[in-house]
């Protein structure tokens, strides 16, 4: 028996693991947010906007010609890929916790 043609119509893409390069970028972002004491606010915003991350990434694709005037094209594409990856957003939310700061940052304050 043949499988119906709509078998994959509503399937979601599989989630990709976060690469080391992405982790380094997310850690830089998180440390800048934590330096301004906005970690908890940013984590709350990140978690509450989780359902619209895909829409945000699509909006960035639409605005890429304008964004590339301010940022490098590669940087914009990295941010778009991160917004599309739920694992990356979860990693960033974890790193925004003030207790997740590396020891060097805690001692520097």
N, C-alpha and C. Protein backbone atom coordinates (compact mmCIF):
# COMPACT_ATOMS: atom_id res chain seq x y z
N UNK A 1 0.84 -1.18 0.00
CA UNK A 1 0.00 0.00 0.00
C UNK A 1 0.89 1.25 0.00
N UNK A 2 0.55 2.20 -0.82
CA UNK A 2 1.31 3.44 -0.91
C UNK A 2 0.97 4.35 0.27
N UNK A 3 2.00 5.09 0.70
CA UNK A 3 1.78 6.06 1.77
C UNK A 3 1.07 7.28 1.18
N UNK A 4 0.20 7.91 1.97
CA UNK A 4 -0.49 9.10 1.45
C UNK A 4 0.51 10.23 1.19
N UNK A 5 0.19 11.05 0.19
CA UNK A 5 1.10 12.12 -0.21
C UNK A 5 1.19 13.20 0.86
N UNK A 6 0.26 13.28 1.80
CA UNK A 6 0.29 14.31 2.82
C UNK A 6 0.97 13.85 4.12
N UNK A 7 1.66 12.73 4.06
CA UNK A 7 2.30 12.17 5.24
C UNK A 7 3.21 13.18 5.94
N UNK A 8 3.97 13.94 5.21
CA UNK A 8 4.91 14.90 5.78
C UNK A 8 4.40 16.33 5.76
N UNK A 9 3.13 16.51 5.47
CA UNK A 9 2.59 17.86 5.32
C UNK A 9 2.71 18.69 6.60
N UNK A 10 2.52 18.06 7.75
CA UNK A 10 2.53 18.81 9.01
C UNK A 10 3.68 18.40 9.92
N UNK A 11 4.69 17.76 9.37
CA UNK A 11 5.82 17.36 10.20
C UNK A 11 6.74 18.55 10.43
N UNK A 12 7.31 18.59 11.61
CA UNK A 12 8.23 19.65 11.98
C UNK A 12 9.65 19.19 11.68
N UNK A 13 10.52 20.11 11.28
CA UNK A 13 11.91 19.71 11.05
C UNK A 13 12.56 19.28 12.35
N UNK A 14 13.51 18.38 12.25
CA UNK A 14 14.18 17.91 13.46
C UNK A 14 15.08 19.03 14.00
N UNK A 15 15.21 19.05 15.32
CA UNK A 15 16.00 20.09 15.95
C UNK A 15 17.48 19.75 15.84
N UNK A 16 18.28 20.75 15.49
CA UNK A 16 19.71 20.55 15.34
C UNK A 16 20.39 20.82 16.68
N UNK A 17 21.47 20.09 16.96
CA UNK A 17 22.24 20.42 18.17
C UNK A 17 22.98 21.74 17.97
N UNK A 18 23.31 22.38 19.07
CA UNK A 18 24.02 23.66 19.03
C UNK A 18 25.51 23.37 18.84
N UNK A 19 26.11 23.98 17.82
CA UNK A 19 27.52 23.77 17.54
C UNK A 19 28.39 24.59 18.50
N UNK A 20 29.65 24.28 18.55
CA UNK A 20 30.57 25.02 19.42
C UNK A 20 30.69 26.48 18.99
N UNK A 21 30.66 26.74 17.70
CA UNK A 21 30.72 28.11 17.20
C UNK A 21 29.49 28.90 17.64
N UNK A 22 28.32 28.25 17.55
CA UNK A 22 27.09 28.91 18.00
C UNK A 22 27.11 29.14 19.50
N UNK A 23 27.64 28.16 20.25
CA UNK A 23 27.74 28.32 21.70
C UNK A 23 28.62 29.50 22.06
N UNK A 24 29.72 29.67 21.35
CA UNK A 24 30.62 30.80 21.61
C UNK A 24 29.91 32.13 21.34
N UNK A 25 29.16 32.21 20.25
CA UNK A 25 28.41 33.43 19.93
C UNK A 25 27.34 33.70 20.98
N UNK A 26 26.61 32.65 21.38
CA UNK A 26 25.57 32.81 22.38
C UNK A 26 26.15 33.20 23.74
N UNK A 27 27.32 32.67 24.05
CA UNK A 27 27.97 33.03 25.32
C UNK A 27 28.38 34.50 25.32
N UNK A 28 28.88 35.00 24.18
CA UNK A 28 29.23 36.43 24.09
C UNK A 28 27.98 37.30 24.27
N UNK A 29 26.89 36.90 23.63
CA UNK A 29 25.64 37.65 23.76
C UNK A 29 25.17 37.64 25.21
N UNK A 30 25.19 36.46 25.83
CA UNK A 30 24.72 36.33 27.22
C UNK A 30 25.59 37.14 28.18
N UNK A 31 26.90 37.14 27.97
CA UNK A 31 27.77 37.89 28.88
C UNK A 31 27.53 39.39 28.76
N UNK A 32 27.24 39.88 27.56
CA UNK A 32 26.94 41.30 27.39
C UNK A 32 25.62 41.67 28.06
N UNK A 33 24.65 40.77 27.98
CA UNK A 33 23.35 41.02 28.63
C UNK A 33 23.51 40.97 30.15
N UNK A 34 24.25 39.97 30.64
CA UNK A 34 24.47 39.85 32.09
C UNK A 34 25.27 41.04 32.64
N UNK A 35 26.19 41.58 31.85
CA UNK A 35 26.99 42.73 32.29
C UNK A 35 26.11 43.94 32.56
N UNK A 36 24.97 43.99 31.91
CA UNK A 36 24.02 45.09 32.12
C UNK A 36 22.94 44.73 33.13
N UNK A 37 23.11 43.59 33.80
CA UNK A 37 22.16 43.09 34.81
C UNK A 37 20.76 42.90 34.24
N UNK A 38 20.69 42.44 32.99
CA UNK A 38 19.40 42.22 32.35
C UNK A 38 19.15 40.74 32.03
N UNK A 39 19.90 39.86 32.68
CA UNK A 39 19.81 38.44 32.36
C UNK A 39 18.42 37.85 32.58
N UNK A 40 17.82 38.15 33.73
CA UNK A 40 16.51 37.57 34.04
C UNK A 40 15.42 38.15 33.14
N UNK A 41 15.50 39.44 32.87
CA UNK A 41 14.52 40.08 31.98
C UNK A 41 14.64 39.51 30.57
N UNK A 42 15.87 39.37 30.10
CA UNK A 42 16.09 38.83 28.76
C UNK A 42 15.64 37.37 28.67
N UNK A 43 15.89 36.58 29.72
CA UNK A 43 15.46 35.18 29.72
C UNK A 43 13.93 35.09 29.69
N UNK A 44 13.26 35.94 30.45
CA UNK A 44 11.80 35.97 30.46
C UNK A 44 11.27 36.34 29.08
N UNK A 45 11.85 37.35 28.48
CA UNK A 45 11.44 37.77 27.14
C UNK A 45 11.69 36.67 26.11
N UNK A 46 12.84 36.04 26.22
CA UNK A 46 13.19 34.96 25.30
C UNK A 46 12.21 33.80 25.41
N UNK A 47 11.91 33.39 26.63
CA UNK A 47 11.00 32.26 26.83
C UNK A 47 9.56 32.61 26.44
N UNK A 48 9.13 33.83 26.73
CA UNK A 48 7.74 34.18 26.41
C UNK A 48 7.53 34.39 24.91
N UNK A 49 8.60 34.68 24.18
CA UNK A 49 8.46 34.88 22.74
C UNK A 49 8.81 33.62 21.94
N UNK A 50 9.01 32.50 22.62
CA UNK A 50 9.40 31.26 21.95
C UNK A 50 8.48 30.87 20.79
N UNK A 51 7.16 31.01 20.90
CA UNK A 51 6.30 30.61 19.77
C UNK A 51 6.49 31.44 18.50
N UNK A 52 7.04 32.62 18.61
CA UNK A 52 7.18 33.47 17.42
C UNK A 52 8.62 33.58 16.93
N UNK A 53 9.53 32.76 17.45
CA UNK A 53 10.92 32.82 16.98
C UNK A 53 11.01 32.52 15.48
N UNK A 54 10.22 31.59 15.00
CA UNK A 54 10.23 31.27 13.57
C UNK A 54 9.79 32.45 12.72
N UNK A 55 8.77 33.16 13.20
CA UNK A 55 8.29 34.34 12.48
C UNK A 55 9.37 35.43 12.50
N UNK A 56 10.04 35.57 13.64
CA UNK A 56 11.11 36.56 13.74
C UNK A 56 12.25 36.27 12.78
N UNK A 57 12.59 34.98 12.65
CA UNK A 57 13.67 34.63 11.73
C UNK A 57 13.26 34.90 10.28
N UNK A 58 11.99 34.66 9.97
CA UNK A 58 11.52 34.95 8.62
C UNK A 58 11.49 36.45 8.35
N UNK A 59 11.16 37.24 9.37
CA UNK A 59 11.19 38.70 9.22
C UNK A 59 12.61 39.18 8.98
N UNK A 60 13.58 38.56 9.66
CA UNK A 60 14.97 38.94 9.45
C UNK A 60 15.44 38.58 8.04
N UNK A 61 14.94 37.46 7.51
CA UNK A 61 15.27 37.10 6.13
C UNK A 61 14.74 38.18 5.18
N UNK A 62 13.53 38.63 5.43
CA UNK A 62 12.93 39.68 4.61
C UNK A 62 13.72 40.98 4.71
N UNK A 63 14.22 41.29 5.91
CA UNK A 63 14.93 42.54 6.14
C UNK A 63 16.44 42.43 5.95
N UNK A 64 16.93 41.27 5.51
CA UNK A 64 18.38 41.05 5.39
C UNK A 64 19.08 42.10 4.53
N UNK A 65 18.51 42.57 3.42
CA UNK A 65 19.22 43.61 2.65
C UNK A 65 19.48 44.88 3.47
N UNK A 66 18.56 45.24 4.35
CA UNK A 66 18.74 46.43 5.16
C UNK A 66 19.66 46.15 6.35
N UNK A 67 19.53 44.97 6.92
CA UNK A 67 20.37 44.59 8.06
C UNK A 67 21.82 44.47 7.62
N UNK A 68 22.04 44.01 6.39
CA UNK A 68 23.42 43.83 5.92
C UNK A 68 24.14 45.17 5.71
N UNK A 69 23.39 46.29 5.71
CA UNK A 69 24.04 47.59 5.66
C UNK A 69 24.66 47.93 7.00
N UNK A 70 24.13 47.36 8.07
CA UNK A 70 24.62 47.64 9.42
C UNK A 70 25.58 46.55 9.89
N UNK A 71 25.17 45.29 9.69
CA UNK A 71 25.96 44.14 10.12
C UNK A 71 26.48 43.39 8.91
N UNK A 72 27.47 42.53 9.14
CA UNK A 72 27.95 41.67 8.07
C UNK A 72 26.87 40.66 7.71
N UNK A 73 26.82 40.29 6.45
CA UNK A 73 25.81 39.35 5.97
C UNK A 73 25.90 38.01 6.71
N UNK A 74 27.13 37.56 6.98
CA UNK A 74 27.33 36.27 7.66
C UNK A 74 26.77 36.32 9.08
N UNK A 75 26.96 37.46 9.77
CA UNK A 75 26.44 37.59 11.13
C UNK A 75 24.92 37.55 11.14
N UNK A 76 24.30 38.21 10.18
CA UNK A 76 22.83 38.19 10.10
C UNK A 76 22.33 36.77 9.85
N UNK A 77 23.03 36.03 8.99
CA UNK A 77 22.61 34.65 8.70
C UNK A 77 22.78 33.76 9.92
N UNK A 78 23.81 34.00 10.73
CA UNK A 78 24.00 33.22 11.96
C UNK A 78 22.86 33.47 12.94
N UNK A 79 22.46 34.72 13.08
CA UNK A 79 21.37 35.06 13.99
C UNK A 79 20.06 34.43 13.51
N UNK A 80 19.83 34.46 12.21
CA UNK A 80 18.62 33.84 11.66
C UNK A 80 18.61 32.35 11.95
N UNK A 81 19.75 31.68 11.75
CA UNK A 81 19.84 30.25 12.03
C UNK A 81 19.62 29.96 13.51
N UNK A 82 20.13 30.83 14.37
CA UNK A 82 19.94 30.62 15.81
C UNK A 82 18.49 30.77 16.22
N UNK A 83 17.79 31.74 15.64
CA UNK A 83 16.37 31.92 15.96
C UNK A 83 15.54 30.73 15.52
N UNK A 84 15.95 30.06 14.46
CA UNK A 84 15.21 28.91 13.96
C UNK A 84 15.48 27.64 14.75
N UNK A 85 16.52 27.64 15.59
CA UNK A 85 16.91 26.45 16.34
C UNK A 85 16.45 26.56 17.80
N UNK A 86 15.43 25.80 18.20
CA UNK A 86 14.96 25.87 19.59
C UNK A 86 16.03 25.49 20.61
N UNK A 87 16.93 24.58 20.24
CA UNK A 87 18.00 24.19 21.16
C UNK A 87 18.93 25.37 21.45
N UNK A 88 19.19 26.19 20.45
CA UNK A 88 20.05 27.36 20.63
C UNK A 88 19.38 28.37 21.56
N UNK A 89 18.09 28.56 21.41
CA UNK A 89 17.39 29.50 22.27
C UNK A 89 17.34 29.00 23.71
N UNK A 90 17.20 27.70 23.89
CA UNK A 90 17.23 27.13 25.24
C UNK A 90 18.60 27.31 25.87
N UNK A 91 19.65 27.11 25.08
CA UNK A 91 21.02 27.30 25.57
C UNK A 91 21.23 28.75 26.00
N UNK A 92 20.77 29.68 25.20
CA UNK A 92 20.92 31.10 25.54
C UNK A 92 20.16 31.42 26.82
N UNK A 93 18.95 30.90 26.98
CA UNK A 93 18.17 31.16 28.19
C UNK A 93 18.90 30.63 29.42
N UNK A 94 19.54 29.47 29.30
CA UNK A 94 20.31 28.92 30.42
C UNK A 94 21.50 29.81 30.75
N UNK A 95 22.17 30.33 29.73
CA UNK A 95 23.36 31.14 29.94
C UNK A 95 23.02 32.54 30.46
N UNK A 96 21.78 32.97 30.36
CA UNK A 96 21.38 34.28 30.86
C UNK A 96 21.22 34.29 32.37
N UNK A 97 21.14 33.13 32.98
CA UNK A 97 21.01 33.03 34.43
C UNK A 97 22.26 33.61 35.07
N UNK A 98 22.11 34.54 36.02
CA UNK A 98 23.30 35.16 36.63
C UNK A 98 24.24 34.15 37.29
N UNK A 99 23.72 33.03 37.74
CA UNK A 99 24.56 32.02 38.37
C UNK A 99 25.35 31.20 37.35
N UNK A 100 25.07 31.37 36.06
CA UNK A 100 25.79 30.62 35.04
C UNK A 100 27.03 31.36 34.55
N UNK A 101 27.34 32.51 35.16
CA UNK A 101 28.52 33.29 34.76
C UNK A 101 29.79 32.49 35.03
N UNK A 102 30.75 32.56 34.13
CA UNK A 102 32.05 31.95 34.41
C UNK A 102 32.70 32.64 35.61
N UNK A 103 33.60 31.93 36.30
CA UNK A 103 34.23 32.47 37.51
C UNK A 103 34.95 33.78 37.26
N UNK A 104 35.55 33.94 36.10
CA UNK A 104 36.28 35.16 35.78
C UNK A 104 35.39 36.39 35.78
N UNK A 105 34.14 36.23 35.33
CA UNK A 105 33.23 37.37 35.28
C UNK A 105 32.73 37.73 36.67
N UNK A 106 32.51 36.73 37.54
CA UNK A 106 32.02 37.02 38.88
C UNK A 106 33.08 37.77 39.69
N UNK A 107 34.33 37.36 39.53
CA UNK A 107 35.39 38.00 40.30
C UNK A 107 35.69 39.40 39.79
N UNK A 108 35.37 39.67 38.52
CA UNK A 108 35.67 40.97 37.93
C UNK A 108 34.73 42.06 38.41
N UNK A 109 33.62 41.69 39.05
CA UNK A 109 32.63 42.68 39.47
C UNK A 109 32.94 43.22 40.84
